[in-house]
Amino acid sequence: MAGVIQTTVRRSMPASLLLRVRHRSPGLANGLVGGALAAGLGLAAFTVLVMLLWVSSPYPDSGPGGALHVAAALWLLAHGAELVRVDTLSGAPAPMGVPPLLLAVVPVWLLHRAARDTAEGGARDNAPLMPGRTAWAGVVLGYLAVAAPAALYAAGGALRPSWTWTALCVPLVALVAAGTGVWTAYGRPSGPLEQVLGAVLPRGARHLVLGPDGRPGVAARAAAAGATVLIAGGAVLLTVSLGWHFGETRRTFGRLTEGWSGWLAVLLLCVTLLPNAAVWAAAYALGPGFLLGTGVAVTPLGARAAPLLPPFPLLAAVPDPGAGTALHGTVVALPLTAGVVVGWFVGRGSVTGGGRFGVWTTGRTAGAAAFAAGLCGVLMALLAGLAGGPLGTAALARFGPVWWQVGLATTVWLGLTAAATALTVRAWRLRRSYRRGERRADRVVAPRRRPALPRSPQRERLHRGTWFKRKPGRSAPAPAPVAADEPYLLLDDDGDDRAHGAPDDLRDLRDLRDGTDPFGLRPRPEPLDDLPTASPPAAPGDTEPRPPA
């Protein structure tokens, strides 16, 4: 018999092992494979595009090896790494550091998806996710394991990567993009953002960036809306200027190349540089403008000629050299519009999104508007720094907007306009609410203080080291707490009934009808209506008994 039991136990072990393997969390190998696959897909996309252009070109300058070197160099350029051109007429290496912002979408999106899928691991709702640090480290290491040989291979071509910028930009992009992917897989917890904001911002300004529910705060939403208006307005200005100089834009295609393959290559290059040009146009509308070389500034007040520039379609949108006119001055409508949008977001949030502060005061509203303008200035400074860079040496060493000038101009323009708009929107919303019969916020009687309830676990701040802790899955609702004055029923649990001697099966119901208690207890007597009503108690000074009422 013992042998039979032992055989049965041994036969059940493979099933339990299979269940463990099926539901276990994947290891570091999955992250390494996901990161390497993301890097390989990005390289493959750039290689296919460059090879198609090389095959269709009627005058190829080099063989397929040169095209592959160019593809690897462009892939590194999409990460923000600076390239160095060695085949110049003077023989001196010339840097090329203007990364097309549209190309950066490919590696960032691939890294984000790889990290998110690795952290999820194909797990179901109730299955555990991979530890966040393991998924993050695996994807980054796998990505860099492919990026390092690609950089070494690109170093043998005409466009060689700068090792300083490559060692800085590629790991930084991998860390940030993979981190956002793991953060998304874990339900976007607010713990990491709260810890970062706690180290950077004062306590009174944290709720403006991150709300108590983990969503962006009033100032963060206003800053994002202001930056969106500036970039979209810059794209509109670029389109209008290209249409105004349509003849020159069309002539530059013929001066650069011949044939449909060359025109297609130039068109694709212009498309990838469109976000850069939109940022340049936004910087022009803000006032600092942009540089077309060392000392050649283009602003609404005037523009200088840049004779060293090659004919390029997007450069045809640059205003003509000379002093600025009234038409050029109309671009100030763009920062004014962005400031109004930022102020509207802050003014609406000061009344409806105050949270624990209630309706904000005028000082808090103006301060929040200025803080939102500062956040928008930081965003625009970051975009301006990414959209520019060198295109050579000497006179071509500075191209694009100056990042700190753009950030400062954004803060000043939007700070003044947003503060005035926010106060106006706040006053208008409060006045409209008063007209509907609502009481003033400062006249409302403070309610009674209620006992503090336990804080919801979803809103608790995550401790250090638990940034990527998975949120608990959906489970059955917890039983409601029993009040102190609520009677306890012994018949709720079968185990308690048996412990107190309750019968297992009540078959004879006639005892219940006759009033007999099956537990052997004496039945409760019926109330008697013939009893006299008790007289009220006598007062302390009374000596005679009172008649019954």
Protein backbone atom coordinates (compact mmCIF):
# COMPACT_ATOMS: atom_id res chain seq x y z
CA MET A 1 0.00 0.00 0.00
CA ALA A 2 2.87 2.28 0.78
CA GLY A 3 4.31 1.60 -2.63
CA VAL A 4 1.05 2.56 -4.27
CA ILE A 5 0.93 5.82 -2.34
CA GLN A 6 4.55 6.57 -3.25
CA THR A 7 3.83 5.96 -6.94
CA THR A 8 0.83 8.24 -6.83
CA VAL A 9 2.87 11.04 -5.28
CA ARG A 10 5.61 10.67 -7.86
CA ARG A 11 3.10 10.85 -10.70
CA SER A 12 1.70 14.14 -9.37
CA MET A 13 5.09 15.89 -9.30
CA PRO A 14 5.39 16.60 -13.07
CA ALA A 15 2.00 18.28 -13.07
CA SER A 16 2.98 20.59 -10.21
CA LEU A 17 6.33 21.35 -11.86
CA LEU A 18 4.59 22.16 -15.14
CA LEU A 19 2.24 24.50 -13.27
CA ARG A 20 5.19 26.25 -11.64
CA VAL A 21 7.01 26.65 -14.94
CA ARG A 22 3.89 27.99 -16.60
CA HIS A 23 3.27 30.64 -13.94
CA ARG A 24 6.83 31.50 -12.95
CA SER A 25 8.22 34.96 -13.70
CA PRO A 26 10.64 35.13 -16.64
CA GLY A 27 14.28 35.80 -15.88
CA LEU A 28 16.94 38.20 -17.07
CA ALA A 29 17.35 36.33 -20.36
CA ASN A 30 13.99 37.56 -21.63
CA GLY A 31 15.04 41.16 -21.01
CA LEU A 32 18.33 40.65 -22.83
CA VAL A 33 16.55 39.14 -25.81
CA GLY A 34 13.95 41.92 -25.85
CA GLY A 35 16.56 44.68 -25.75
CA ALA A 36 18.66 43.06 -28.47
CA LEU A 37 15.56 42.57 -30.61
CA ALA A 38 14.59 46.24 -30.22
CA ALA A 39 18.06 47.35 -31.31
CA GLY A 40 18.05 44.91 -34.22
CA LEU A 41 14.66 46.08 -35.46
CA GLY A 42 15.78 49.71 -35.34
CA LEU A 43 18.95 48.96 -37.25
CA ALA A 44 16.99 46.92 -39.78
CA ALA A 45 14.52 49.76 -40.40
CA PHE A 46 17.32 52.27 -41.06
CA THR A 47 19.21 49.76 -43.20
CA VAL A 48 16.21 49.02 -45.41
CA LEU A 49 15.55 52.72 -45.95
CA VAL A 50 19.17 53.55 -46.81
CA MET A 51 19.57 50.51 -49.06
CA LEU A 52 16.43 51.39 -51.02
CA LEU A 53 17.72 54.91 -51.61
CA TRP A 54 21.16 53.57 -52.56
CA VAL A 55 19.75 51.04 -55.03
CA SER A 56 17.50 53.63 -56.68
CA SER A 57 20.25 56.25 -56.90
CA PRO A 58 21.68 56.63 -60.44
CA TYR A 59 25.05 57.85 -59.11
CA PRO A 60 26.01 55.77 -56.06
CA ASP A 61 29.16 57.10 -54.45
CA SER A 62 30.16 53.81 -52.80
CA GLY A 63 29.24 50.16 -52.64
CA PRO A 64 26.77 48.42 -50.32
CA GLY A 65 29.32 48.56 -47.51
CA GLY A 66 29.23 52.34 -47.54
CA ALA A 67 25.43 52.31 -47.44
CA LEU A 68 25.49 49.99 -44.43
CA HIS A 69 27.94 52.30 -42.65
CA VAL A 70 25.63 55.24 -43.31
CA ALA A 71 22.64 53.31 -41.95
CA ALA A 72 24.45 52.49 -38.69
CA ALA A 73 25.58 56.13 -38.36
CA LEU A 74 22.04 57.44 -38.90
CA TRP A 75 20.74 55.00 -36.27
CA LEU A 76 23.21 56.44 -33.77
CA LEU A 77 22.28 59.98 -34.85
CA ALA A 78 18.65 59.20 -34.02
CA HIS A 79 19.74 58.69 -30.39
CA GLY A 80 21.26 62.19 -30.31
CA ALA A 81 24.86 61.14 -30.88
CA GLU A 82 26.98 63.57 -32.85
CA LEU A 83 28.58 62.38 -36.10
CA VAL A 84 31.90 63.45 -37.63
CA ARG A 85 32.31 63.80 -41.40
CA VAL A 86 35.85 62.99 -42.51
CA ASP A 87 35.63 63.34 -46.31
CA THR A 88 35.60 67.14 -46.41
CA LEU A 89 37.27 69.34 -49.02
CA SER A 90 39.66 70.81 -46.49
CA GLY A 91 40.54 67.45 -45.01
CA ALA A 92 39.62 68.55 -41.47
CA PRO A 93 36.86 66.54 -39.72
CA ALA A 94 33.55 68.41 -39.54
CA PRO A 95 30.94 67.58 -36.89
CA MET A 96 27.29 67.06 -37.76
CA GLY A 97 25.14 67.28 -34.66
CA VAL A 98 21.60 68.23 -35.73
CA PRO A 99 19.60 65.07 -34.99
CA PRO A 100 16.29 64.76 -36.86
CA LEU A 101 13.71 64.57 -34.08
CA LEU A 102 11.36 62.41 -36.12
CA LEU A 103 13.99 59.67 -36.39
CA ALA A 104 14.22 59.49 -32.59
CA VAL A 105 10.68 58.11 -32.46
CA VAL A 106 11.83 54.74 -33.85
CA PRO A 107 14.37 53.72 -31.16
CA VAL A 108 12.35 55.25 -28.33
CA TRP A 109 9.16 53.43 -29.31
CA LEU A 110 10.96 50.11 -29.80
CA LEU A 111 12.67 50.37 -26.42
CA HIS A 112 9.42 51.31 -24.69
CA ARG A 113 7.56 48.37 -26.18
CA ALA A 114 10.37 45.93 -25.46
CA ALA A 115 10.57 46.93 -21.79
CA ARG A 116 6.81 46.87 -21.34
CA ASP A 117 6.40 43.44 -22.93
CA THR A 118 9.36 42.07 -20.98
CA ALA A 119 7.97 43.28 -17.67
CA GLU A 120 4.56 41.82 -18.45
CA GLY A 121 6.11 38.59 -19.71
CA GLY A 122 2.85 37.46 -21.29
CA ALA A 123 1.46 37.11 -17.79
CA ARG A 124 -2.23 37.02 -17.15
CA ASP A 125 -4.12 39.20 -14.71
CA ASN A 126 -3.41 37.09 -11.64
CA ALA A 127 0.12 36.00 -12.61
CA PRO A 128 3.09 37.88 -11.14
CA LEU A 129 5.03 40.30 -13.29
CA MET A 130 8.77 40.22 -13.74
CA PRO A 131 10.61 42.35 -11.16
CA GLY A 132 10.96 45.86 -12.50
CA ARG A 133 14.70 46.18 -11.99
CA THR A 134 15.32 42.86 -13.69
CA ALA A 135 13.29 43.79 -16.76
CA TRP A 136 14.81 47.26 -16.91
CA ALA A 137 18.40 46.06 -16.59
CA GLY A 138 17.88 43.22 -19.06
CA VAL A 139 16.45 45.41 -21.79
CA VAL A 140 19.12 48.10 -21.37
CA LEU A 141 21.99 45.60 -21.37
CA GLY A 142 20.60 43.75 -24.37
CA TYR A 143 20.16 47.01 -26.27
CA LEU A 144 23.67 48.22 -25.50
CA ALA A 145 25.09 44.82 -26.43
CA VAL A 146 23.91 45.48 -30.00
CA ALA A 147 24.62 49.24 -29.99
CA ALA A 148 28.30 48.80 -29.15
CA PRO A 149 29.16 46.66 -32.24
CA ALA A 150 27.02 48.95 -34.40
CA ALA A 151 29.04 51.96 -33.23
CA LEU A 152 32.30 50.14 -33.92
CA TYR A 153 31.08 49.23 -37.40
CA ALA A 154 29.93 52.81 -38.14
CA ALA A 155 33.38 54.10 -37.18
CA GLY A 156 34.78 52.69 -40.42
CA GLY A 157 32.59 54.81 -42.72
CA ALA A 158 32.60 58.37 -43.92
CA LEU A 159 30.22 59.42 -41.12
CA ARG A 160 31.86 58.36 -37.88
CA PRO A 161 30.22 58.66 -34.48
CA SER A 162 31.72 60.86 -31.81
CA TRP A 163 32.62 58.49 -29.00
CA THR A 164 31.90 61.01 -26.26
CA TRP A 165 28.37 61.75 -27.48
CA THR A 166 27.72 58.10 -28.32
CA ALA A 167 28.73 56.91 -24.86
CA LEU A 168 26.48 59.57 -23.32
CA CYS A 169 23.36 59.66 -25.50
CA VAL A 170 22.73 56.01 -26.40
CA PRO A 171 22.73 54.67 -22.80
CA LEU A 172 20.68 57.66 -21.64
CA VAL A 173 17.98 57.06 -24.26
CA ALA A 174 17.96 53.34 -23.43
CA LEU A 175 17.62 53.98 -19.69
CA VAL A 176 14.80 56.51 -20.02
CA ALA A 177 12.78 54.70 -22.69
CA ALA A 178 13.10 51.31 -20.98
CA GLY A 179 12.18 52.88 -17.65
CA THR A 180 8.97 54.32 -19.08
CA GLY A 181 8.09 50.92 -20.53
CA VAL A 182 8.47 49.15 -17.17
CA TRP A 183 6.59 51.98 -15.46
CA THR A 184 3.71 51.52 -17.90
CA ALA A 185 3.63 47.76 -17.34
CA TYR A 186 3.23 48.30 -13.59
CA GLY A 187 0.27 50.62 -14.02
CA ARG A 188 2.20 53.93 -13.92
CA PRO A 189 2.73 54.15 -10.13
CA SER A 190 3.28 57.59 -8.68
CA GLY A 191 6.04 56.50 -6.30
CA PRO A 192 9.02 57.26 -8.58
CA LEU A 193 7.68 60.66 -9.56
CA GLU A 194 6.89 61.56 -5.96
CA GLN A 195 10.41 60.75 -4.84
CA VAL A 196 11.96 62.77 -7.66
CA LEU A 197 9.67 65.73 -7.02
CA GLY A 198 10.38 65.50 -3.30
CA ALA A 199 14.08 65.96 -3.98
CA VAL A 200 13.63 68.85 -6.44
CA LEU A 201 10.53 70.87 -5.57
CA PRO A 202 9.27 72.29 -2.26
CA ARG A 203 6.29 70.69 -0.58
CA GLY A 204 3.83 73.42 -1.59
CA ALA A 205 4.56 73.01 -5.32
CA ARG A 206 4.52 69.22 -5.62
CA HIS A 207 0.75 68.95 -5.94
CA LEU A 208 0.90 71.32 -8.91
CA VAL A 209 3.01 68.80 -10.84
CA LEU A 210 1.58 65.52 -9.51
CA GLY A 211 -1.89 65.18 -8.06
CA PRO A 212 -2.79 62.91 -5.11
CA ASP A 213 -4.20 60.31 -7.50
CA GLY A 214 -0.97 60.04 -9.50
CA ARG A 215 -2.22 62.08 -12.45
CA PRO A 216 -0.47 65.25 -13.69
CA GLY A 217 -1.27 68.28 -11.62
CA VAL A 218 -2.72 71.60 -12.75
CA ALA A 219 0.65 73.18 -13.54
CA ALA A 220 1.90 70.11 -15.42
CA ARG A 221 -1.18 69.99 -17.63
CA ALA A 222 -0.98 73.73 -18.27
CA ALA A 223 2.71 73.54 -19.18
CA ALA A 224 2.12 70.65 -21.57
CA ALA A 225 -0.75 72.55 -23.20
CA GLY A 226 1.41 75.67 -23.57
CA ALA A 227 4.28 73.75 -25.17
CA THR A 228 1.85 72.04 -27.54
CA VAL A 229 0.44 75.40 -28.64
CA LEU A 230 3.94 76.78 -29.23
CA ILE A 231 5.08 73.79 -31.32
CA ALA A 232 1.83 73.65 -33.29
CA GLY A 233 1.99 77.41 -33.89
CA GLY A 234 5.59 77.03 -35.05
CA ALA A 235 4.48 74.39 -37.55
CA VAL A 236 1.82 76.80 -38.83
CA LEU A 237 4.38 79.60 -39.20
CA LEU A 238 6.69 77.23 -41.07
CA THR A 239 3.92 76.22 -43.47
CA VAL A 240 2.95 79.84 -44.14
CA SER A 241 6.56 80.83 -44.78
CA LEU A 242 7.15 77.88 -47.13
CA GLY A 243 4.04 78.85 -49.06
CA TRP A 244 5.20 82.47 -49.21
CA HIS A 245 8.57 81.36 -50.63
CA PHE A 246 7.14 78.55 -52.73
CA GLY A 247 9.10 79.43 -55.84
CA GLU A 248 12.44 79.35 -54.06
CA THR A 249 11.48 76.16 -52.23
CA ARG A 250 10.72 74.41 -55.51
CA ARG A 251 13.96 75.57 -57.14
CA THR A 252 16.12 74.15 -54.36
CA PHE A 253 15.05 70.60 -55.24
CA GLY A 254 16.50 70.95 -58.72
CA ARG A 255 19.71 72.57 -57.49
CA LEU A 256 20.43 69.82 -54.97
CA THR A 257 19.87 66.66 -57.01
CA GLU A 258 18.43 65.21 -60.21
CA GLY A 259 15.99 62.39 -60.78
CA TRP A 260 13.08 61.13 -58.78
CA SER A 261 15.29 59.07 -56.42
CA GLY A 262 17.28 62.16 -55.40
CA TRP A 263 14.13 64.21 -54.97
CA LEU A 264 12.65 61.44 -52.83
CA ALA A 265 15.76 61.38 -50.63
CA VAL A 266 15.64 65.14 -50.13
CA LEU A 267 11.92 64.99 -49.41
CA LEU A 268 12.42 62.28 -46.76
CA LEU A 269 15.17 64.34 -45.16
CA CYS A 270 12.86 67.36 -45.03
CA VAL A 271 10.10 65.29 -43.44
CA THR A 272 12.40 64.00 -40.72
CA LEU A 273 13.53 67.58 -39.99
CA LEU A 274 10.02 69.04 -39.79
CA PRO A 275 9.84 68.83 -35.95
CA ASN A 276 13.19 70.62 -35.75
CA ALA A 277 11.94 73.35 -38.05
CA ALA A 278 8.75 73.74 -35.98
CA VAL A 279 10.87 74.28 -32.84
CA TRP A 280 13.00 76.81 -34.74
CA ALA A 281 9.86 78.69 -35.82
CA ALA A 282 8.54 78.70 -32.24
CA ALA A 283 11.86 80.13 -31.04
CA TYR A 284 11.57 82.80 -33.72
CA ALA A 285 8.09 83.75 -32.50
CA LEU A 286 9.29 83.90 -28.88
CA GLY A 287 11.92 86.49 -29.76
CA PRO A 288 15.39 84.89 -29.41
CA GLY A 289 15.13 83.34 -32.87
CA PHE A 290 17.77 80.92 -34.11
CA LEU A 291 21.30 80.93 -35.49
CA LEU A 292 22.33 80.08 -39.04
CA GLY A 293 25.99 80.05 -38.13
CA THR A 294 28.24 81.79 -35.68
CA GLY A 295 26.99 85.37 -35.24
CA VAL A 296 24.18 85.04 -37.83
CA ALA A 297 20.96 85.48 -35.88
CA VAL A 298 17.43 85.46 -37.30
CA THR A 299 14.87 87.25 -35.10
CA PRO A 300 11.61 89.16 -35.69
CA LEU A 301 13.61 92.39 -35.36
CA GLY A 302 15.85 91.52 -38.27
CA ALA A 303 17.84 88.83 -40.05
CA ARG A 304 21.37 88.70 -41.42
CA ALA A 305 22.42 86.93 -44.58
CA ALA A 306 24.22 83.61 -44.30
CA PRO A 307 26.23 83.11 -47.51
CA LEU A 308 27.69 79.72 -46.53
CA LEU A 309 24.33 77.94 -46.38
CA PRO A 310 23.60 75.30 -49.03
CA PRO A 311 20.31 75.42 -50.94
CA PHE A 312 17.83 73.42 -48.87
CA PRO A 313 14.00 73.48 -49.06
CA LEU A 314 13.42 74.13 -45.35
CA LEU A 315 15.98 76.96 -45.32
CA ALA A 316 13.94 78.71 -47.98
CA ALA A 317 11.41 79.52 -45.24
CA VAL A 318 13.95 81.77 -43.47
CA PRO A 319 12.86 85.45 -43.63
CA ASP A 320 14.67 87.66 -46.07
CA PRO A 321 17.73 89.53 -44.75
CA GLY A 322 17.03 92.99 -43.43
CA ALA A 323 15.20 94.75 -40.64
CA GLY A 324 11.97 93.30 -39.36
CA THR A 325 8.63 94.70 -40.48
CA ALA A 326 5.18 94.88 -38.93
CA LEU A 327 4.35 91.57 -40.61
CA HIS A 328 7.23 89.92 -38.81
CA GLY A 329 6.02 91.43 -35.54
CA THR A 330 2.67 89.65 -35.78
CA VAL A 331 4.36 86.42 -34.68
CA VAL A 332 4.12 87.62 -31.07
CA ALA A 333 0.52 86.43 -31.20
CA LEU A 334 1.82 82.88 -30.78
CA PRO A 335 3.37 83.28 -27.28
CA LEU A 336 0.39 85.41 -26.23
CA THR A 337 -1.97 82.61 -27.29
CA ALA A 338 0.13 80.05 -25.45
CA GLY A 339 0.06 82.20 -22.32
CA VAL A 340 -3.73 82.48 -22.51
CA VAL A 341 -4.03 78.69 -22.79
CA VAL A 342 -1.76 78.17 -19.78
CA GLY A 343 -3.69 80.74 -17.78
CA TRP A 344 -7.02 79.17 -18.70
CA PHE A 345 -5.86 75.76 -17.43
CA VAL A 346 -4.59 77.25 -14.17
CA GLY A 347 -7.66 79.45 -13.68
CA ARG A 348 -10.03 76.54 -14.18
CA GLY A 349 -8.00 74.37 -11.82
CA SER A 350 -7.98 77.06 -9.13
CA VAL A 351 -11.75 76.69 -8.79
CA THR A 352 -12.55 73.10 -9.73
CA GLY A 353 -9.28 71.29 -9.13
CA GLY A 354 -8.13 72.81 -5.84
CA GLY A 355 -8.19 69.50 -3.98
CA ARG A 356 -7.51 69.83 -0.27
CA PHE A 357 -6.80 73.56 -0.66
CA GLY A 358 -10.35 74.37 -1.80
CA VAL A 359 -10.74 77.48 -3.92
CA TRP A 360 -7.33 79.03 -4.38
CA THR A 361 -6.58 82.57 -3.35
CA THR A 362 -5.41 85.13 -5.88
CA GLY A 363 -1.82 84.81 -4.72
CA ARG A 364 -1.82 81.03 -5.05
CA THR A 365 -3.43 81.26 -8.48
CA ALA A 366 -0.87 83.75 -9.77
CA GLY A 367 1.96 81.68 -8.31
CA ALA A 368 0.65 78.51 -9.95
CA ALA A 369 0.45 80.30 -13.30
CA ALA A 370 4.05 81.50 -12.97
CA PHE A 371 5.14 78.00 -11.97
CA ALA A 372 3.38 76.51 -15.02
CA ALA A 373 5.12 79.04 -17.23
CA GLY A 374 8.46 77.99 -15.74
CA LEU A 375 7.71 74.31 -16.47
CA CYS A 376 6.80 75.21 -20.04
CA GLY A 377 10.08 77.12 -20.32
CA VAL A 378 11.97 74.00 -19.21
CA LEU A 379 10.21 71.91 -21.85
CA MET A 380 10.92 74.40 -24.61
CA ALA A 381 14.56 74.73 -23.56
CA LEU A 382 14.93 70.94 -23.77
CA LEU A 383 13.35 70.83 -27.22
CA ALA A 384 15.47 73.73 -28.43
CA GLY A 385 18.63 72.01 -27.24
CA LEU A 386 17.68 68.80 -29.07
CA ALA A 387 16.65 70.58 -32.29
CA GLY A 388 19.95 72.35 -32.88
CA GLY A 389 23.63 71.58 -33.09
CA PRO A 390 26.73 72.10 -35.24
CA LEU A 391 26.92 71.45 -38.97
CA GLY A 392 30.63 72.07 -39.35
CA THR A 393 33.46 74.11 -37.96
CA ALA A 394 34.14 77.85 -37.68
CA ALA A 395 31.11 79.68 -39.10
CA LEU A 396 28.92 76.56 -39.14
CA ALA A 397 29.62 75.58 -35.53
CA ARG A 398 26.30 76.99 -34.19
CA PHE A 399 23.00 76.08 -35.79
CA GLY A 400 19.53 76.37 -34.36
CA PRO A 401 18.06 78.14 -31.31
CA VAL A 402 20.00 78.76 -28.11
CA TRP A 403 18.31 76.63 -25.47
CA TRP A 404 18.66 78.93 -22.45
CA GLN A 405 17.42 81.95 -24.38
CA VAL A 406 14.34 80.05 -25.53
CA GLY A 407 13.60 78.82 -22.00
CA LEU A 408 13.95 82.29 -20.50
CA ALA A 409 11.81 83.94 -23.18
CA THR A 410 9.10 81.30 -22.73
CA THR A 411 9.01 81.83 -18.98
CA VAL A 412 8.76 85.62 -19.30
CA TRP A 413 6.14 85.69 -22.07
CA LEU A 414 3.92 82.99 -20.62
CA GLY A 415 4.41 84.05 -17.00
CA LEU A 416 2.95 87.52 -17.50
CA THR A 417 0.14 86.46 -19.80
CA ALA A 418 -0.79 83.31 -17.87
CA ALA A 419 -1.00 85.09 -14.51
CA ALA A 420 -3.40 87.74 -15.83
CA THR A 421 -5.50 85.15 -17.66
CA ALA A 422 -5.66 82.80 -14.66
CA LEU A 423 -6.89 85.56 -12.34
CA THR A 424 -9.49 86.61 -14.91
CA VAL A 425 -10.77 83.07 -15.41
CA ARG A 426 -10.89 82.51 -11.66
CA ALA A 427 -12.91 85.67 -11.05
CA TRP A 428 -15.29 84.89 -13.92
CA ARG A 429 -15.94 81.33 -12.76
CA LEU A 430 -16.53 82.41 -9.16
CA ARG A 431 -18.89 85.17 -10.24
CA ARG A 432 -20.88 82.78 -12.40
CA SER A 433 -21.17 80.32 -9.52
CA TYR A 434 -22.38 83.13 -7.19
CA ARG A 435 -25.07 84.08 -9.71
CA ARG A 436 -26.41 80.54 -9.57
CA GLY A 437 -27.07 80.93 -5.86
CA GLU A 438 -24.02 79.24 -4.43
CA ARG A 439 -22.52 80.62 -1.27
CA ARG A 440 -19.18 82.29 -1.22
CA ALA A 441 -16.29 80.04 -0.33
CA ASP A 442 -15.17 82.31 2.52
CA ARG A 443 -18.69 82.43 4.02
CA VAL A 444 -19.35 78.73 4.15
CA VAL A 445 -19.46 77.45 7.73
CA ALA A 446 -16.73 74.92 8.33
CA PRO A 447 -18.23 71.45 8.78
CA ARG A 448 -17.73 69.38 11.90
CA ARG A 449 -14.51 67.52 12.03
CA ARG A 450 -15.15 63.88 11.34
CA PRO A 451 -13.01 61.06 12.62
CA ALA A 452 -10.05 60.38 10.33
CA LEU A 453 -10.63 57.38 8.12
CA PRO A 454 -7.80 55.02 7.17
CA ARG A 455 -6.08 56.15 4.00
CA SER A 456 -6.70 54.14 0.86
CA PRO A 457 -3.72 51.93 -0.04
CA GLN A 458 -3.89 53.08 -3.67
CA ARG A 459 -2.91 56.59 -2.60
CA GLU A 460 -0.13 55.69 -0.22
CA ARG A 461 3.32 56.80 -1.26
CA LEU A 462 5.53 53.91 -2.23
CA HIS A 463 8.65 53.51 -0.14
CA ARG A 464 12.13 53.56 -1.60
CA GLY A 465 12.92 50.29 -3.30
CA THR A 466 9.30 49.51 -4.25
CA TRP A 467 8.95 51.68 -7.36
CA PHE A 468 8.04 48.76 -9.59
CA LYS A 469 5.95 46.80 -7.13
CA ARG A 470 2.93 45.41 -8.89
CA LYS A 471 -0.43 46.67 -7.81
CA PRO A 472 -2.68 44.06 -6.16
CA GLY A 473 -5.07 42.37 -8.51
CA ARG A 474 -8.79 42.42 -8.28
CA SER A 475 -10.06 40.22 -5.50
CA ALA A 476 -13.23 39.71 -3.54
CA PRO A 477 -14.31 42.71 -1.45
CA ALA A 478 -13.23 42.63 2.16
CA PRO A 479 -15.99 41.98 4.72
CA ALA A 480 -17.44 45.06 6.31
CA PRO A 481 -16.31 45.71 9.88
CA VAL A 482 -18.78 44.75 12.59
CA ALA A 483 -20.01 47.59 14.73
CA ALA A 484 -19.46 47.47 18.48
CA ASP A 485 -23.18 47.50 19.30
CA GLU A 486 -24.21 44.93 16.67
CA PRO A 487 -25.34 41.57 18.20
CA TYR A 488 -23.35 38.50 17.31
CA LEU A 489 -25.40 35.67 15.85
CA LEU A 490 -24.31 32.19 16.81
CA LEU A 491 -26.10 30.63 13.86
CA ASP A 492 -23.87 32.28 11.20
CA ASP A 493 -21.24 29.58 11.26
CA ASP A 494 -21.89 25.89 11.11
CA GLY A 495 -18.77 25.14 13.10
CA ASP A 496 -19.93 27.34 15.99
CA ASP A 497 -23.37 25.70 15.93
CA ARG A 498 -21.89 22.26 16.28
CA ALA A 499 -19.62 23.47 19.06
CA HIS A 500 -22.63 24.65 21.07
CA GLY A 501 -24.54 21.45 20.57
CA ALA A 502 -26.89 22.46 17.78
CA PRO A 503 -28.60 19.59 15.92
CA ASP A 504 -27.35 18.85 12.41
CA ASP A 505 -30.78 18.40 10.90
CA LEU A 506 -34.02 20.06 12.13
CA ARG A 507 -36.55 17.63 10.77
CA ASP A 508 -39.44 18.11 13.14
CA LEU A 509 -40.90 21.56 12.60
CA ARG A 510 -43.95 20.89 14.77
CA ASP A 511 -41.89 21.75 17.86
CA LEU A 512 -41.31 25.20 16.47
CA ARG A 513 -45.02 25.65 15.78
CA ASP A 514 -45.93 24.56 19.34
CA GLY A 515 -43.44 27.02 20.83
CA THR A 516 -40.97 24.40 21.96
CA ASP A 517 -37.35 25.43 21.57
CA PRO A 518 -35.29 22.61 20.01
CA PHE A 519 -32.28 23.74 22.10
CA GLY A 520 -34.12 23.05 25.33
CA LEU A 521 -34.52 26.67 26.33
CA ARG A 522 -37.68 27.99 27.93
CA PRO A 523 -39.89 29.87 25.44
CA ARG A 524 -40.22 33.59 25.84
CA PRO A 525 -43.50 34.54 27.52
CA GLU A 526 -46.07 36.60 25.71
CA PRO A 527 -46.47 40.22 26.87
CA LEU A 528 -49.39 40.81 29.23
CA ASP A 529 -51.71 43.69 28.50
CA ASP A 530 -53.56 43.60 31.91
CA LEU A 531 -50.64 44.85 33.96
CA PRO A 532 -51.11 48.32 35.46
CA THR A 533 -49.07 51.12 34.11
CA ALA A 534 -46.18 52.11 36.35
CA SER A 535 -46.46 55.53 37.91
CA PRO A 536 -43.75 58.07 37.24
CA PRO A 537 -41.07 58.44 39.89
CA ALA A 538 -41.72 60.94 42.62
CA ALA A 539 -39.85 64.15 42.79
CA PRO A 540 -37.32 64.65 45.60
CA GLY A 541 -39.67 66.98 47.52
CA ASP A 542 -42.89 64.95 47.21
CA THR A 543 -44.12 63.05 50.31
CA GLU A 544 -47.43 61.69 48.99
CA PRO A 545 -47.69 59.03 46.32
CA ARG A 546 -48.99 60.20 42.98
CA PRO A 547 -51.93 58.49 41.28
CA PRO A 548 -51.19 56.47 38.24
CA ALA A 549 -51.15 58.42 35.01
